[in-house]
């Protein structure tokens, strides 16, 4: 079963260039992580500091392994100072009955 994760990010508007640079580096790692099937970044058309990272994972186990990596050796320490609010992670599954 695949898993979709959304990570909602709100950046300080004056630091968007830095955010783009850091996120490009981070997502290169994410896209190469075993079980990742792709990541897109959605930018709010009315608020360029509001982004959603839309991630697709091959399985719940692949997603969990990635979250463990990011909580440990792959921790992203340089993104926090750019954020205007705490990130919000939501995990989604497809309901085939609808």
C-alpha atoms as a PDB file:
ATOM      1  CA  UNK A   1       0.000   0.000   0.000  1.00  0.00           C
ATOM      2  CA  UNK A   2       1.394   3.373  -0.962  1.00  0.00           C
ATOM      3  CA  UNK A   3       1.459   6.359   1.376  1.00  0.00           C
ATOM      4  CA  UNK A   4       1.210  10.016   0.525  1.00  0.00           C
ATOM      5  CA  UNK A   5       2.662  12.538   2.953  1.00  0.00           C
ATOM      6  CA  UNK A   6       2.089  16.265   2.936  1.00  0.00           C
ATOM      7  CA  UNK A   7       4.413  18.559   4.806  1.00  0.00           C
ATOM      8  CA  UNK A   8       3.000  22.065   5.180  1.00  0.00           C
ATOM      9  CA  UNK A   9       5.686  24.720   5.515  1.00  0.00           C
ATOM     10  CA  UNK A  10       5.283  28.421   6.243  1.00  0.00           C
ATOM     11  CA  UNK A  11       8.441  30.430   5.702  1.00  0.00           C
ATOM     12  CA  UNK A  12       9.461  33.916   6.708  1.00  0.00           C
ATOM     13  CA  UNK A  13       8.853  35.839   3.445  1.00  0.00           C
ATOM     14  CA  UNK A  14      12.205  37.614   3.569  1.00  0.00           C
ATOM     15  CA  UNK A  15      14.021  34.245   3.665  1.00  0.00           C
ATOM     16  CA  UNK A  16      12.380  32.522   0.681  1.00  0.00           C
ATOM     17  CA  UNK A  17      15.563  32.461  -1.404  1.00  0.00           C
ATOM     18  CA  UNK A  18      17.392  30.664   1.410  1.00  0.00           C
ATOM     19  CA  UNK A  19      14.441  28.274   1.825  1.00  0.00           C
ATOM     20  CA  UNK A  20      14.529  27.387  -1.875  1.00  0.00           C
ATOM     21  CA  UNK A  21      18.253  26.624  -1.727  1.00  0.00           C
ATOM     22  CA  UNK A  22      17.981  24.440   1.375  1.00  0.00           C
ATOM     23  CA  UNK A  23      14.845  22.626   0.281  1.00  0.00           C
ATOM     24  CA  UNK A  24      16.359  21.839  -3.131  1.00  0.00           C
ATOM     25  CA  UNK A  25      19.269  20.139  -1.338  1.00  0.00           C
ATOM     26  CA  UNK A  26      17.019  18.325   1.130  1.00  0.00           C
ATOM     27  CA  UNK A  27      14.636  17.093  -1.557  1.00  0.00           C
ATOM     28  CA  UNK A  28      17.487  15.728  -3.629  1.00  0.00           C
ATOM     29  CA  UNK A  29      18.216  13.406  -0.687  1.00  0.00           C
ATOM     30  CA  UNK A  30      14.528  12.671  -0.164  1.00  0.00           C
ATOM     31  CA  UNK A  31      13.947  11.731  -3.807  1.00  0.00           C
ATOM     32  CA  UNK A  32      16.933   9.358  -3.676  1.00  0.00           C
ATOM     33  CA  UNK A  33      15.745   7.680  -0.458  1.00  0.00           C
ATOM     34  CA  UNK A  34      14.708   4.053  -0.880  1.00  0.00           C
ATOM     35  CA  UNK A  35      10.946   3.771  -1.364  1.00  0.00           C
ATOM     36  CA  UNK A  36      10.400   7.378  -2.428  1.00  0.00           C
ATOM     37  CA  UNK A  37       8.247   7.547  -5.558  1.00  0.00           C
ATOM     38  CA  UNK A  38       8.429  11.319  -5.972  1.00  0.00           C
ATOM     39  CA  UNK A  39       8.133  14.688  -4.279  1.00  0.00           C
ATOM     40  CA  UNK A  40       6.454  17.802  -5.624  1.00  0.00           C
ATOM     41  CA  UNK A  41       6.453  21.209  -3.964  1.00  0.00           C
ATOM     42  CA  UNK A  42       3.218  23.166  -4.181  1.00  0.00           C
ATOM     43  CA  UNK A  43       3.391  26.921  -3.586  1.00  0.00           C
ATOM     44  CA  UNK A  44       0.267  28.821  -2.543  1.00  0.00           C
ATOM     45  CA  UNK A  45      -0.525  31.186  -5.421  1.00  0.00           C
ATOM     46  CA  UNK A  46      -1.774  33.834  -2.995  1.00  0.00           C
ATOM     47  CA  UNK A  47       1.026  33.384  -0.430  1.00  0.00           C
ATOM     48  CA  UNK A  48       4.473  32.489  -1.827  1.00  0.00           C
ATOM     49  CA  UNK A  49       5.765  31.756   1.703  1.00  0.00           C
ATOM     50  CA  UNK A  50       3.252  28.896   2.136  1.00  0.00           C
ATOM     51  CA  UNK A  51       4.455  25.590   0.649  1.00  0.00           C
ATOM     52  CA  UNK A  52       3.309  21.984   0.682  1.00  0.00           C
ATOM     53  CA  UNK A  53       5.787  19.174   0.035  1.00  0.00           C
ATOM     54  CA  UNK A  54       3.712  16.389  -1.557  1.00  0.00           C
ATOM     55  CA  UNK A  55       5.587  13.090  -1.087  1.00  0.00           C
ATOM     56  CA  UNK A  56       4.723   9.629  -2.392  1.00  0.00           C
ATOM     57  CA  UNK A  57       6.111   6.529  -0.675  1.00  0.00           C
ATOM     58  CA  UNK A  58       6.013   2.888  -1.780  1.00  0.00           C
ATOM     59  CA  UNK A  59       4.879   1.671   1.648  1.00  0.00           C
ATOM     60  CA  UNK A  60       4.260   2.772   5.226  1.00  0.00           C
ATOM     61  CA  UNK A  61       7.576   1.112   6.116  1.00  0.00           C
ATOM     62  CA  UNK A  62       9.479   3.216   3.551  1.00  0.00           C
ATOM     63  CA  UNK A  63       7.907   6.381   4.920  1.00  0.00           C
ATOM     64  CA  UNK A  64       8.691   5.333   8.514  1.00  0.00           C
ATOM     65  CA  UNK A  65      12.327   4.610   7.588  1.00  0.00           C
ATOM     66  CA  UNK A  66      12.608   8.068   6.050  1.00  0.00           C
ATOM     67  CA  UNK A  67      11.092   9.767   9.135  1.00  0.00           C
ATOM     68  CA  UNK A  68      13.575   7.848  11.328  1.00  0.00           C
ATOM     69  CA  UNK A  69      16.440   9.010   9.100  1.00  0.00           C
ATOM     70  CA  UNK A  70      15.289  12.656   9.332  1.00  0.00           C
ATOM     71  CA  UNK A  71      14.954  12.387  13.128  1.00  0.00           C
ATOM     72  CA  UNK A  72      18.521  11.051  13.375  1.00  0.00           C
ATOM     73  CA  UNK A  73      21.517  11.239  11.034  1.00  0.00           C
ATOM     74  CA  UNK A  74      19.579  13.058   8.294  1.00  0.00           C
ATOM     75  CA  UNK A  75      18.214  15.773  10.566  1.00  0.00           C
ATOM     76  CA  UNK A  76      17.709  19.094   8.804  1.00  0.00           C
ATOM     77  CA  UNK A  77      19.083  21.738  11.162  1.00  0.00           C
ATOM     78  CA  UNK A  78      19.278  24.748   8.855  1.00  0.00           C
ATOM     79  CA  UNK A  79      15.588  24.933   7.879  1.00  0.00           C
ATOM     80  CA  UNK A  80      14.165  25.789  11.314  1.00  0.00           C
ATOM     81  CA  UNK A  81      15.340  29.419  11.443  1.00  0.00           C
ATOM     82  CA  UNK A  82      13.611  30.081   8.106  1.00  0.00           C
ATOM     83  CA  UNK A  83      10.196  28.932   9.302  1.00  0.00           C
ATOM     84  CA  UNK A  84       7.431  31.284  10.398  1.00  0.00           C
ATOM     85  CA  UNK A  85       5.394  28.411  11.898  1.00  0.00           C
ATOM     86  CA  UNK A  86       5.852  24.819  12.967  1.00  0.00           C
ATOM     87  CA  UNK A  87       5.666  22.357  10.020  1.00  0.00           C
ATOM     88  CA  UNK A  88       2.593  20.122   9.803  1.00  0.00           C
ATOM     89  CA  UNK A  89       3.056  16.545   8.574  1.00  0.00           C
ATOM     90  CA  UNK A  90       0.006  14.534   7.491  1.00  0.00           C
ATOM     91  CA  UNK A  91       0.099  10.945   6.200  1.00  0.00           C
ATOM     92  CA  UNK A  92      -2.579   9.880   3.702  1.00  0.00           C
ATOM     93  CA  UNK A  93      -3.751   6.603   2.210  1.00  0.00           C
ATOM     94  CA  UNK A  94      -6.073   6.093  -0.742  1.00  0.00           C
ATOM     95  CA  UNK A  95      -9.591   4.916   0.013  1.00  0.00           C
ATOM     96  CA  UNK A  96     -10.343   2.619  -2.913  1.00  0.00           C
ATOM     97  CA  UNK A  97     -14.028   2.381  -1.928  1.00  0.00           C
ATOM     98  CA  UNK A  98     -14.826   5.963  -2.886  1.00  0.00           C
END
